[in-house]
């Protein structure tokens, strides 16, 4: 768009979504692949916009929204504006992450244009957004258009936007490279170049080299690199490597991957010990542990 100065990348937030599981999720591999693809261009875009469906925040009683850690990954990879739907009402949500400096991205949700009035949030009418992006690609003005009656639209009457009926959005410029603030002995390689090298090894399925590089530079590499490696190992059914790496899971996602890897290899005892330890620690989701226990017993019974 705009002579290649603006690039819009659409991400699928429904990769784990079905009639029994409404949670939103975006593949970190897809985010990484989009970044690698854009770096192949001779002239990178001045503004990268991400688009997906699910909202990034929601109440604790619901699960139909994405884990916003993937949003932080997008910020780290140069996305500065994001657009999504799903919640049927217009809103603006600022995100920021500190690496070498503060990096900012604005996440904008849009109201529903065609939803039945029974499905609209209380107090909301049908809406759509109009975005005016500035010539320097570092800001935008958001206008809300709201249905008054009989498909007649006018400026949205959102109290949060004040009397102007629009919101001015700003973000910071993407730096082409940066040097992390580390002691010289901790800094064998620039963080950005090291991340790129590790991602390329994972992309080329050179898993042993990627794991070795990751182990040597855990204090430098961002957390998404490990997640990307685990996801690629799962896709390639490298169950042995995945099990070895995740014997001490740190979160629900790692626990689930460890149990799946152990079950696929019929290492029933390892899966059972991991679930017992997770239950005793109290740090993991109780519903996830029950689901994994059911999966373990089912697979073991079939075997």
C-alpha atoms as a PDB file:
ATOM      1  CA  UNK A   1       0.000   0.000   0.000  1.00  0.00           C
ATOM      2  CA  UNK A   2       1.057   3.618  -0.566  1.00  0.00           C
ATOM      3  CA  UNK A   3       3.963   2.677  -2.876  1.00  0.00           C
ATOM      4  CA  UNK A   4       4.987  -0.128  -0.489  1.00  0.00           C
ATOM      5  CA  UNK A   5       5.461   2.293   2.409  1.00  0.00           C
ATOM      6  CA  UNK A   6       2.639   0.554   4.303  1.00  0.00           C
ATOM      7  CA  UNK A   7       2.349  -3.218   4.678  1.00  0.00           C
ATOM      8  CA  UNK A   8      -0.687  -4.941   6.174  1.00  0.00           C
ATOM      9  CA  UNK A   9      -0.175  -8.487   7.475  1.00  0.00           C
ATOM     10  CA  UNK A  10      -3.280 -10.528   8.296  1.00  0.00           C
ATOM     11  CA  UNK A  11      -2.906 -13.183  11.008  1.00  0.00           C
ATOM     12  CA  UNK A  12      -5.265 -16.069  11.750  1.00  0.00           C
ATOM     13  CA  UNK A  13      -6.305 -15.884  15.415  1.00  0.00           C
ATOM     14  CA  UNK A  14      -8.495 -19.003  15.130  1.00  0.00           C
ATOM     15  CA  UNK A  15      -5.809 -21.714  14.787  1.00  0.00           C
ATOM     16  CA  UNK A  16      -6.995 -23.475  17.975  1.00  0.00           C
ATOM     17  CA  UNK A  17     -10.625 -22.448  17.715  1.00  0.00           C
ATOM     18  CA  UNK A  18     -13.538 -24.851  17.269  1.00  0.00           C
ATOM     19  CA  UNK A  19     -17.067 -25.342  18.595  1.00  0.00           C
ATOM     20  CA  UNK A  20     -15.692 -26.646  21.925  1.00  0.00           C
ATOM     21  CA  UNK A  21     -12.816 -24.190  22.393  1.00  0.00           C
ATOM     22  CA  UNK A  22     -13.413 -20.513  21.704  1.00  0.00           C
ATOM     23  CA  UNK A  23     -10.002 -19.229  22.782  1.00  0.00           C
ATOM     24  CA  UNK A  24      -8.130 -17.019  20.302  1.00  0.00           C
ATOM     25  CA  UNK A  25      -4.542 -17.829  19.353  1.00  0.00           C
ATOM     26  CA  UNK A  26      -2.028 -16.542  16.784  1.00  0.00           C
ATOM     27  CA  UNK A  27       0.889 -18.725  15.706  1.00  0.00           C
ATOM     28  CA  UNK A  28       4.213 -17.214  16.724  1.00  0.00           C
ATOM     29  CA  UNK A  29       5.743 -18.950  13.722  1.00  0.00           C
ATOM     30  CA  UNK A  30       3.408 -16.978  11.461  1.00  0.00           C
ATOM     31  CA  UNK A  31       4.537 -13.731  13.110  1.00  0.00           C
ATOM     32  CA  UNK A  32       8.189 -14.710  12.719  1.00  0.00           C
ATOM     33  CA  UNK A  33       7.725 -15.825   9.099  1.00  0.00           C
ATOM     34  CA  UNK A  34       6.063 -12.531   8.220  1.00  0.00           C
ATOM     35  CA  UNK A  35       9.012 -10.635   9.667  1.00  0.00           C
ATOM     36  CA  UNK A  36      11.567 -12.753   7.790  1.00  0.00           C
ATOM     37  CA  UNK A  37       9.618 -12.335   4.558  1.00  0.00           C
ATOM     38  CA  UNK A  38       9.490  -8.555   4.876  1.00  0.00           C
ATOM     39  CA  UNK A  39      13.222  -8.385   5.555  1.00  0.00           C
ATOM     40  CA  UNK A  40      13.823  -9.842   2.098  1.00  0.00           C
ATOM     41  CA  UNK A  41      12.598  -6.578   0.580  1.00  0.00           C
ATOM     42  CA  UNK A  42      15.184  -4.111  -0.597  1.00  0.00           C
ATOM     43  CA  UNK A  43      13.185  -1.232   0.892  1.00  0.00           C
ATOM     44  CA  UNK A  44      11.325  -2.254   4.089  1.00  0.00           C
ATOM     45  CA  UNK A  45       7.914  -0.650   4.742  1.00  0.00           C
ATOM     46  CA  UNK A  46       7.777   2.474   6.880  1.00  0.00           C
ATOM     47  CA  UNK A  47       4.662   1.225   8.674  1.00  0.00           C
ATOM     48  CA  UNK A  48       3.757  -2.393   9.428  1.00  0.00           C
ATOM     49  CA  UNK A  49       0.111  -2.995  10.348  1.00  0.00           C
ATOM     50  CA  UNK A  50      -1.104  -6.274  11.857  1.00  0.00           C
ATOM     51  CA  UNK A  51      -4.713  -7.421  11.444  1.00  0.00           C
ATOM     52  CA  UNK A  52      -6.515 -10.292  13.190  1.00  0.00           C
ATOM     53  CA  UNK A  53      -9.938 -11.134  14.603  1.00  0.00           C
ATOM     54  CA  UNK A  54      -9.928 -11.714  18.401  1.00  0.00           C
ATOM     55  CA  UNK A  55      -9.523  -8.975  21.002  1.00  0.00           C
ATOM     56  CA  UNK A  56      -6.369  -8.963  23.130  1.00  0.00           C
ATOM     57  CA  UNK A  57      -7.973  -8.267  26.526  1.00  0.00           C
ATOM     58  CA  UNK A  58     -10.984  -9.805  28.227  1.00  0.00           C
ATOM     59  CA  UNK A  59     -12.591 -10.622  31.590  1.00  0.00           C
ATOM     60  CA  UNK A  60     -11.342 -13.601  33.658  1.00  0.00           C
ATOM     61  CA  UNK A  61     -14.615 -15.470  33.220  1.00  0.00           C
ATOM     62  CA  UNK A  62     -14.080 -15.691  29.443  1.00  0.00           C
ATOM     63  CA  UNK A  63     -11.340 -17.181  27.270  1.00  0.00           C
ATOM     64  CA  UNK A  64     -12.252 -16.012  23.754  1.00  0.00           C
ATOM     65  CA  UNK A  65      -9.353 -13.582  23.386  1.00  0.00           C
ATOM     66  CA  UNK A  66      -5.694 -13.957  22.440  1.00  0.00           C
ATOM     67  CA  UNK A  67      -2.682 -14.130  24.739  1.00  0.00           C
ATOM     68  CA  UNK A  68      -1.306 -10.610  24.430  1.00  0.00           C
ATOM     69  CA  UNK A  69       2.292 -11.862  24.693  1.00  0.00           C
ATOM     70  CA  UNK A  70       2.107 -12.400  20.938  1.00  0.00           C
ATOM     71  CA  UNK A  71       1.307  -8.675  20.628  1.00  0.00           C
ATOM     72  CA  UNK A  72       4.608  -7.897  22.380  1.00  0.00           C
ATOM     73  CA  UNK A  73       6.363 -10.158  19.869  1.00  0.00           C
ATOM     74  CA  UNK A  74       4.829  -8.112  17.055  1.00  0.00           C
ATOM     75  CA  UNK A  75       6.076  -4.888  18.636  1.00  0.00           C
ATOM     76  CA  UNK A  76       9.584  -6.327  18.875  1.00  0.00           C
ATOM     77  CA  UNK A  77       9.420  -7.175  15.166  1.00  0.00           C
ATOM     78  CA  UNK A  78       8.428  -3.683  14.104  1.00  0.00           C
ATOM     79  CA  UNK A  79       4.622  -3.643  13.984  1.00  0.00           C
ATOM     80  CA  UNK A  80       3.303  -0.296  15.157  1.00  0.00           C
ATOM     81  CA  UNK A  81      -0.452  -0.454  14.457  1.00  0.00           C
ATOM     82  CA  UNK A  82      -2.877  -3.346  14.893  1.00  0.00           C
ATOM     83  CA  UNK A  83      -6.560  -3.736  13.975  1.00  0.00           C
ATOM     84  CA  UNK A  84      -9.026  -6.348  15.222  1.00  0.00           C
ATOM     85  CA  UNK A  85     -12.742  -6.974  15.617  1.00  0.00           C
ATOM     86  CA  UNK A  86     -14.600  -9.595  17.674  1.00  0.00           C
ATOM     87  CA  UNK A  87     -15.761  -7.443  20.606  1.00  0.00           C
ATOM     88  CA  UNK A  88     -18.259  -5.434  18.472  1.00  0.00           C
ATOM     89  CA  UNK A  89     -17.263  -2.016  19.785  1.00  0.00           C
ATOM     90  CA  UNK A  90     -14.637   0.579  18.930  1.00  0.00           C
ATOM     91  CA  UNK A  91     -11.733   1.063  21.335  1.00  0.00           C
ATOM     92  CA  UNK A  92      -8.056   2.008  21.428  1.00  0.00           C
ATOM     93  CA  UNK A  93      -5.507   0.129  23.544  1.00  0.00           C
ATOM     94  CA  UNK A  94      -1.841   1.216  23.817  1.00  0.00           C
ATOM     95  CA  UNK A  95       0.892  -1.399  24.185  1.00  0.00           C
ATOM     96  CA  UNK A  96       4.582  -0.876  24.916  1.00  0.00           C
ATOM     97  CA  UNK A  97       7.625  -3.030  25.595  1.00  0.00           C
ATOM     98  CA  UNK A  98      11.130  -2.083  26.697  1.00  0.00           C
ATOM     99  CA  UNK A  99      14.075  -3.596  24.838  1.00  0.00           C
ATOM    100  CA  UNK A 100      16.839  -1.086  24.183  1.00  0.00           C
ATOM    101  CA  UNK A 101      14.239   1.660  24.420  1.00  0.00           C
ATOM    102  CA  UNK A 102      10.482   1.853  24.781  1.00  0.00           C
ATOM    103  CA  UNK A 103       8.706   0.516  21.688  1.00  0.00           C
ATOM    104  CA  UNK A 104       5.024   1.358  21.258  1.00  0.00           C
ATOM    105  CA  UNK A 105       2.140  -0.063  19.250  1.00  0.00           C
ATOM    106  CA  UNK A 106      -1.505   0.995  19.174  1.00  0.00           C
ATOM    107  CA  UNK A 107      -4.186  -1.707  18.997  1.00  0.00           C
ATOM    108  CA  UNK A 108      -7.508  -0.527  17.558  1.00  0.00           C
ATOM    109  CA  UNK A 109     -10.738  -2.491  17.699  1.00  0.00           C
ATOM    110  CA  UNK A 110     -13.636  -1.818  15.371  1.00  0.00           C
ATOM    111  CA  UNK A 111     -17.355  -1.942  16.014  1.00  0.00           C
ATOM    112  CA  UNK A 112     -19.547  -4.376  14.131  1.00  0.00           C
ATOM    113  CA  UNK A 113     -21.076  -3.162  10.882  1.00  0.00           C
ATOM    114  CA  UNK A 114     -23.510  -6.024  10.284  1.00  0.00           C
ATOM    115  CA  UNK A 115     -24.166  -7.686  13.656  1.00  0.00           C
ATOM    116  CA  UNK A 116     -27.711  -8.172  14.855  1.00  0.00           C
ATOM    117  CA  UNK A 117     -28.644  -5.710  17.595  1.00  0.00           C
ATOM    118  CA  UNK A 118     -29.024  -8.637  20.024  1.00  0.00           C
ATOM    119  CA  UNK A 119     -25.289  -9.324  19.613  1.00  0.00           C
ATOM    120  CA  UNK A 120     -24.056  -5.770  20.086  1.00  0.00           C
ATOM    121  CA  UNK A 121     -22.701  -4.713  23.510  1.00  0.00           C
ATOM    122  CA  UNK A 122     -25.087  -2.662  25.612  1.00  0.00           C
ATOM    123  CA  UNK A 123     -25.053   0.975  24.524  1.00  0.00           C
ATOM    124  CA  UNK A 124     -23.275   0.279  21.226  1.00  0.00           C
ATOM    125  CA  UNK A 125     -24.694   0.735  17.749  1.00  0.00           C
ATOM    126  CA  UNK A 126     -23.344  -0.544  14.459  1.00  0.00           C
ATOM    127  CA  UNK A 127     -19.965   1.063  13.762  1.00  0.00           C
ATOM    128  CA  UNK A 128     -16.975   1.189  11.467  1.00  0.00           C
ATOM    129  CA  UNK A 129     -13.621   2.986  11.639  1.00  0.00           C
ATOM    130  CA  UNK A 130     -11.852   5.436   9.346  1.00  0.00           C
ATOM    131  CA  UNK A 131      -8.078   5.796   9.812  1.00  0.00           C
ATOM    132  CA  UNK A 132      -6.096   8.790   8.556  1.00  0.00           C
ATOM    133  CA  UNK A 133      -2.389   7.901   8.575  1.00  0.00           C
ATOM    134  CA  UNK A 134       0.046  10.806   8.699  1.00  0.00           C
ATOM    135  CA  UNK A 135       2.634  11.394   5.989  1.00  0.00           C
ATOM    136  CA  UNK A 136       5.517  10.543   8.345  1.00  0.00           C
ATOM    137  CA  UNK A 137       3.834   7.184   9.222  1.00  0.00           C
ATOM    138  CA  UNK A 138       4.281   7.842  12.962  1.00  0.00           C
ATOM    139  CA  UNK A 139       0.702   8.785  13.846  1.00  0.00           C
ATOM    140  CA  UNK A 140      -2.893   8.439  12.727  1.00  0.00           C
ATOM    141  CA  UNK A 141      -6.302   9.938  13.438  1.00  0.00           C
ATOM    142  CA  UNK A 142      -9.097   7.487  14.197  1.00  0.00           C
ATOM    143  CA  UNK A 143     -12.678   8.424  13.309  1.00  0.00           C
ATOM    144  CA  UNK A 144     -15.639   6.323  14.447  1.00  0.00           C
ATOM    145  CA  UNK A 145     -18.728   6.155  12.258  1.00  0.00           C
ATOM    146  CA  UNK A 146     -21.863   5.064  14.092  1.00  0.00           C
ATOM    147  CA  UNK A 147     -25.306   4.047  12.846  1.00  0.00           C
ATOM    148  CA  UNK A 148     -27.952   6.505  14.021  1.00  0.00           C
ATOM    149  CA  UNK A 149     -31.022   4.904  12.455  1.00  0.00           C
ATOM    150  CA  UNK A 150     -32.089   3.068   9.299  1.00  0.00           C
ATOM    151  CA  UNK A 151     -28.472   2.569   8.152  1.00  0.00           C
ATOM    152  CA  UNK A 152     -27.715   6.292   8.404  1.00  0.00           C
ATOM    153  CA  UNK A 153     -24.163   6.796   9.750  1.00  0.00           C
ATOM    154  CA  UNK A 154     -22.635   9.812  11.455  1.00  0.00           C
ATOM    155  CA  UNK A 155     -19.639  10.649  13.653  1.00  0.00           C
ATOM    156  CA  UNK A 156     -19.514   8.250  16.588  1.00  0.00           C
ATOM    157  CA  UNK A 157     -20.523   9.594  19.971  1.00  0.00           C
ATOM    158  CA  UNK A 158     -17.874   7.945  22.140  1.00  0.00           C
ATOM    159  CA  UNK A 159     -17.410   9.605  25.528  1.00  0.00           C
ATOM    160  CA  UNK A 160     -13.796   8.384  25.752  1.00  0.00           C
ATOM    161  CA  UNK A 161     -12.893  10.396  22.654  1.00  0.00           C
ATOM    162  CA  UNK A 162     -14.194  13.639  24.095  1.00  0.00           C
ATOM    163  CA  UNK A 163     -15.939  16.423  22.147  1.00  0.00           C
ATOM    164  CA  UNK A 164     -13.710  16.035  19.064  1.00  0.00           C
ATOM    165  CA  UNK A 165     -15.221  12.623  18.239  1.00  0.00           C
ATOM    166  CA  UNK A 166     -11.868  11.306  17.067  1.00  0.00           C
ATOM    167  CA  UNK A 167      -8.690   9.965  18.662  1.00  0.00           C
ATOM    168  CA  UNK A 168      -5.100  10.812  17.717  1.00  0.00           C
ATOM    169  CA  UNK A 169      -2.829   7.771  17.807  1.00  0.00           C
ATOM    170  CA  UNK A 170       0.966   7.862  18.018  1.00  0.00           C
ATOM    171  CA  UNK A 171       3.814   5.348  18.027  1.00  0.00           C
ATOM    172  CA  UNK A 172       7.590   5.517  17.777  1.00  0.00           C
ATOM    173  CA  UNK A 173       9.808   4.874  14.787  1.00  0.00           C
ATOM    174  CA  UNK A 174      11.245   1.394  14.269  1.00  0.00           C
ATOM    175  CA  UNK A 175      15.000   1.370  14.669  1.00  0.00           C
ATOM    176  CA  UNK A 176      16.826  -0.827  12.173  1.00  0.00           C
ATOM    177  CA  UNK A 177      19.133  -2.210  14.845  1.00  0.00           C
ATOM    178  CA  UNK A 178      19.951  -1.800  18.506  1.00  0.00           C
ATOM    179  CA  UNK A 179      22.535  -2.986  21.009  1.00  0.00           C
ATOM    180  CA  UNK A 180      21.253  -4.458  24.289  1.00  0.00           C
ATOM    181  CA  UNK A 181      22.601  -3.009  27.535  1.00  0.00           C
ATOM    182  CA  UNK A 182      24.800  -5.906  28.651  1.00  0.00           C
ATOM    183  CA  UNK A 183      28.288  -6.330  30.012  1.00  0.00           C
ATOM    184  CA  UNK A 184      30.922  -6.926  27.309  1.00  0.00           C
ATOM    185  CA  UNK A 185      31.475 -10.545  28.342  1.00  0.00           C
ATOM    186  CA  UNK A 186      27.731 -11.175  27.995  1.00  0.00           C
ATOM    187  CA  UNK A 187      27.559  -9.675  24.546  1.00  0.00           C
ATOM    188  CA  UNK A 188      29.147 -12.085  22.016  1.00  0.00           C
ATOM    189  CA  UNK A 189      26.844 -10.918  19.242  1.00  0.00           C
ATOM    190  CA  UNK A 190      24.299  -8.185  18.538  1.00  0.00           C
ATOM    191  CA  UNK A 191      20.885  -9.281  19.818  1.00  0.00           C
ATOM    192  CA  UNK A 192      19.094  -8.638  16.548  1.00  0.00           C
ATOM    193  CA  UNK A 193      21.652 -10.540  14.458  1.00  0.00           C
ATOM    194  CA  UNK A 194      21.698 -13.391  16.964  1.00  0.00           C
ATOM    195  CA  UNK A 195      17.887 -13.644  16.876  1.00  0.00           C
ATOM    196  CA  UNK A 196      17.923 -13.690  13.090  1.00  0.00           C
ATOM    197  CA  UNK A 197      20.554 -16.437  13.012  1.00  0.00           C
ATOM    198  CA  UNK A 198      18.610 -18.585  15.485  1.00  0.00           C
ATOM    199  CA  UNK A 199      15.349 -18.073  13.582  1.00  0.00           C
ATOM    200  CA  UNK A 200      17.070 -19.091  10.337  1.00  0.00           C
ATOM    201  CA  UNK A 201      18.416 -22.286  11.930  1.00  0.00           C
ATOM    202  CA  UNK A 202      14.916 -23.136  13.151  1.00  0.00           C
ATOM    203  CA  UNK A 203      13.428 -22.323   9.737  1.00  0.00           C
ATOM    204  CA  UNK A 204      16.028 -24.591   8.058  1.00  0.00           C
ATOM    205  CA  UNK A 205      15.259 -27.371  10.587  1.00  0.00           C
ATOM    206  CA  UNK A 206      18.810 -27.366  11.937  1.00  0.00           C
ATOM    207  CA  UNK A 207      17.408 -27.998  15.398  1.00  0.00           C
ATOM    208  CA  UNK A 208      20.589 -29.183  17.145  1.00  0.00           C
ATOM    209  CA  UNK A 209      22.458 -26.032  16.099  1.00  0.00           C
ATOM    210  CA  UNK A 210      19.495 -23.848  17.088  1.00  0.00           C
ATOM    211  CA  UNK A 211      19.275 -25.496  20.525  1.00  0.00           C
ATOM    212  CA  UNK A 212      23.022 -25.068  21.092  1.00  0.00           C
ATOM    213  CA  UNK A 213      22.871 -21.387  20.125  1.00  0.00           C
ATOM    214  CA  UNK A 214      19.825 -20.865  22.348  1.00  0.00           C
ATOM    215  CA  UNK A 215      21.499 -22.520  25.354  1.00  0.00           C
ATOM    216  CA  UNK A 216      24.616 -20.345  24.995  1.00  0.00           C
ATOM    217  CA  UNK A 217      22.687 -17.084  24.697  1.00  0.00           C
ATOM    218  CA  UNK A 218      19.583 -17.402  26.902  1.00  0.00           C
ATOM    219  CA  UNK A 219      20.450 -14.106  28.630  1.00  0.00           C
ATOM    220  CA  UNK A 220      20.324 -12.271  25.272  1.00  0.00           C
ATOM    221  CA  UNK A 221      17.686 -13.903  23.099  1.00  0.00           C
ATOM    222  CA  UNK A 222      14.050 -12.777  23.564  1.00  0.00           C
ATOM    223  CA  UNK A 223      11.559 -15.372  24.946  1.00  0.00           C
ATOM    224  CA  UNK A 224       9.695 -15.735  21.655  1.00  0.00           C
ATOM    225  CA  UNK A 225      12.704 -17.589  20.146  1.00  0.00           C
ATOM    226  CA  UNK A 226      12.188 -20.512  22.541  1.00  0.00           C
ATOM    227  CA  UNK A 227       8.450 -20.559  21.805  1.00  0.00           C
ATOM    228  CA  UNK A 228       9.196 -20.565  18.079  1.00  0.00           C
ATOM    229  CA  UNK A 229      11.582 -23.502  18.492  1.00  0.00           C
ATOM    230  CA  UNK A 230       9.071 -25.524  20.524  1.00  0.00           C
ATOM    231  CA  UNK A 231       6.319 -24.898  17.986  1.00  0.00           C
ATOM    232  CA  UNK A 232       8.527 -25.955  15.078  1.00  0.00           C
ATOM    233  CA  UNK A 233       9.638 -29.106  16.909  1.00  0.00           C
ATOM    234  CA  UNK A 234       5.979 -29.969  17.474  1.00  0.00           C
ATOM    235  CA  UNK A 235       5.124 -29.426  13.796  1.00  0.00           C
ATOM    236  CA  UNK A 236       8.009 -31.697  12.759  1.00  0.00           C
ATOM    237  CA  UNK A 237       7.107 -34.281  15.430  1.00  0.00           C
ATOM    238  CA  UNK A 238      10.539 -34.064  17.043  1.00  0.00           C
ATOM    239  CA  UNK A 239       9.101 -35.503  20.238  1.00  0.00           C
ATOM    240  CA  UNK A 240      12.413 -36.612  21.793  1.00  0.00           C
ATOM    241  CA  UNK A 241      14.038 -33.192  21.464  1.00  0.00           C
ATOM    242  CA  UNK A 242      10.890 -31.481  22.696  1.00  0.00           C
ATOM    243  CA  UNK A 243      10.637 -33.728  25.759  1.00  0.00           C
ATOM    244  CA  UNK A 244      14.283 -33.155  26.698  1.00  0.00           C
ATOM    245  CA  UNK A 245      13.964 -29.383  26.419  1.00  0.00           C
ATOM    246  CA  UNK A 246      10.771 -29.170  28.470  1.00  0.00           C
ATOM    247  CA  UNK A 247      11.437 -31.501  31.410  1.00  0.00           C
ATOM    248  CA  UNK A 248      11.096 -28.449  33.667  1.00  0.00           C
ATOM    249  CA  UNK A 249       8.045 -26.629  32.195  1.00  0.00           C
ATOM    250  CA  UNK A 250       7.594 -22.975  33.188  1.00  0.00           C
ATOM    251  CA  UNK A 251       4.032 -22.303  32.021  1.00  0.00           C
ATOM    252  CA  UNK A 252       0.845 -24.014  30.803  1.00  0.00           C
ATOM    253  CA  UNK A 253       1.970 -24.082  27.179  1.00  0.00           C
ATOM    254  CA  UNK A 254       5.269 -25.801  28.022  1.00  0.00           C
ATOM    255  CA  UNK A 255       3.503 -28.316  30.306  1.00  0.00           C
ATOM    256  CA  UNK A 256       1.054 -29.226  27.531  1.00  0.00           C
ATOM    257  CA  UNK A 257       3.865 -29.653  24.978  1.00  0.00           C
ATOM    258  CA  UNK A 258       5.900 -31.806  27.382  1.00  0.00           C
ATOM    259  CA  UNK A 259       2.953 -34.121  28.066  1.00  0.00           C
ATOM    260  CA  UNK A 260       2.078 -34.433  24.366  1.00  0.00           C
ATOM    261  CA  UNK A 261       5.716 -35.241  23.524  1.00  0.00           C
ATOM    262  CA  UNK A 262       5.911 -37.875  26.281  1.00  0.00           C
ATOM    263  CA  UNK A 263       2.559 -39.421  25.332  1.00  0.00           C
ATOM    264  CA  UNK A 264       3.532 -39.602  21.643  1.00  0.00           C
ATOM    265  CA  UNK A 265       6.588 -41.641  22.675  1.00  0.00           C
ATOM    266  CA  UNK A 266       4.549 -43.718  25.143  1.00  0.00           C
ATOM    267  CA  UNK A 267       6.625 -42.380  28.025  1.00  0.00           C
ATOM    268  CA  UNK A 268       3.664 -42.664  30.361  1.00  0.00           C
ATOM    269  CA  UNK A 269       5.715 -42.286  33.563  1.00  0.00           C
ATOM    270  CA  UNK A 270       7.305 -39.019  32.416  1.00  0.00           C
ATOM    271  CA  UNK A 271       3.903 -37.533  31.551  1.00  0.00           C
ATOM    272  CA  UNK A 272       2.438 -38.696  34.875  1.00  0.00           C
ATOM    273  CA  UNK A 273       5.375 -37.305  36.899  1.00  0.00           C
ATOM    274  CA  UNK A 274       5.126 -33.960  35.090  1.00  0.00           C
ATOM    275  CA  UNK A 275       1.404 -33.702  35.832  1.00  0.00           C
ATOM    276  CA  UNK A 276       1.861 -34.661  39.488  1.00  0.00           C
ATOM    277  CA  UNK A 277       4.613 -32.065  39.901  1.00  0.00           C
ATOM    278  CA  UNK A 278       2.488 -29.421  38.165  1.00  0.00           C
ATOM    279  CA  UNK A 279      -0.458 -30.191  40.410  1.00  0.00           C
ATOM    280  CA  UNK A 280       1.685 -30.001  43.549  1.00  0.00           C
ATOM    281  CA  UNK A 281       3.270 -26.690  42.533  1.00  0.00           C
ATOM    282  CA  UNK A 282      -0.071 -24.892  42.151  1.00  0.00           C
ATOM    283  CA  UNK A 283       1.406 -22.767  39.325  1.00  0.00           C
ATOM    284  CA  UNK A 284      -0.504 -24.372  36.457  1.00  0.00           C
ATOM    285  CA  UNK A 285      -4.112 -24.325  35.277  1.00  0.00           C
ATOM    286  CA  UNK A 286      -6.228 -26.950  37.040  1.00  0.00           C
ATOM    287  CA  UNK A 287      -8.474 -27.428  34.004  1.00  0.00           C
ATOM    288  CA  UNK A 288      -5.419 -27.958  31.765  1.00  0.00           C
ATOM    289  CA  UNK A 289      -4.028 -30.594  34.133  1.00  0.00           C
ATOM    290  CA  UNK A 290      -7.370 -32.444  34.093  1.00  0.00           C
ATOM    291  CA  UNK A 291      -7.487 -32.351  30.278  1.00  0.00           C
ATOM    292  CA  UNK A 292      -3.929 -33.680  30.056  1.00  0.00           C
ATOM    293  CA  UNK A 293      -4.666 -36.430  32.589  1.00  0.00           C
ATOM    294  CA  UNK A 294      -7.664 -37.488  30.521  1.00  0.00           C
ATOM    295  CA  UNK A 295      -5.542 -37.464  27.350  1.00  0.00           C
ATOM    296  CA  UNK A 296      -2.861 -39.541  29.074  1.00  0.00           C
ATOM    297  CA  UNK A 297      -5.312 -42.186  30.325  1.00  0.00           C
ATOM    298  CA  UNK A 298      -7.092 -42.332  26.968  1.00  0.00           C
ATOM    299  CA  UNK A 299      -3.901 -42.761  24.924  1.00  0.00           C
ATOM    300  CA  UNK A 300      -2.497 -45.249  27.427  1.00  0.00           C
ATOM    301  CA  UNK A 301      -5.714 -47.266  27.332  1.00  0.00           C
ATOM    302  CA  UNK A 302      -5.782 -47.330  23.535  1.00  0.00           C
ATOM    303  CA  UNK A 303      -2.137 -48.359  23.450  1.00  0.00           C
END
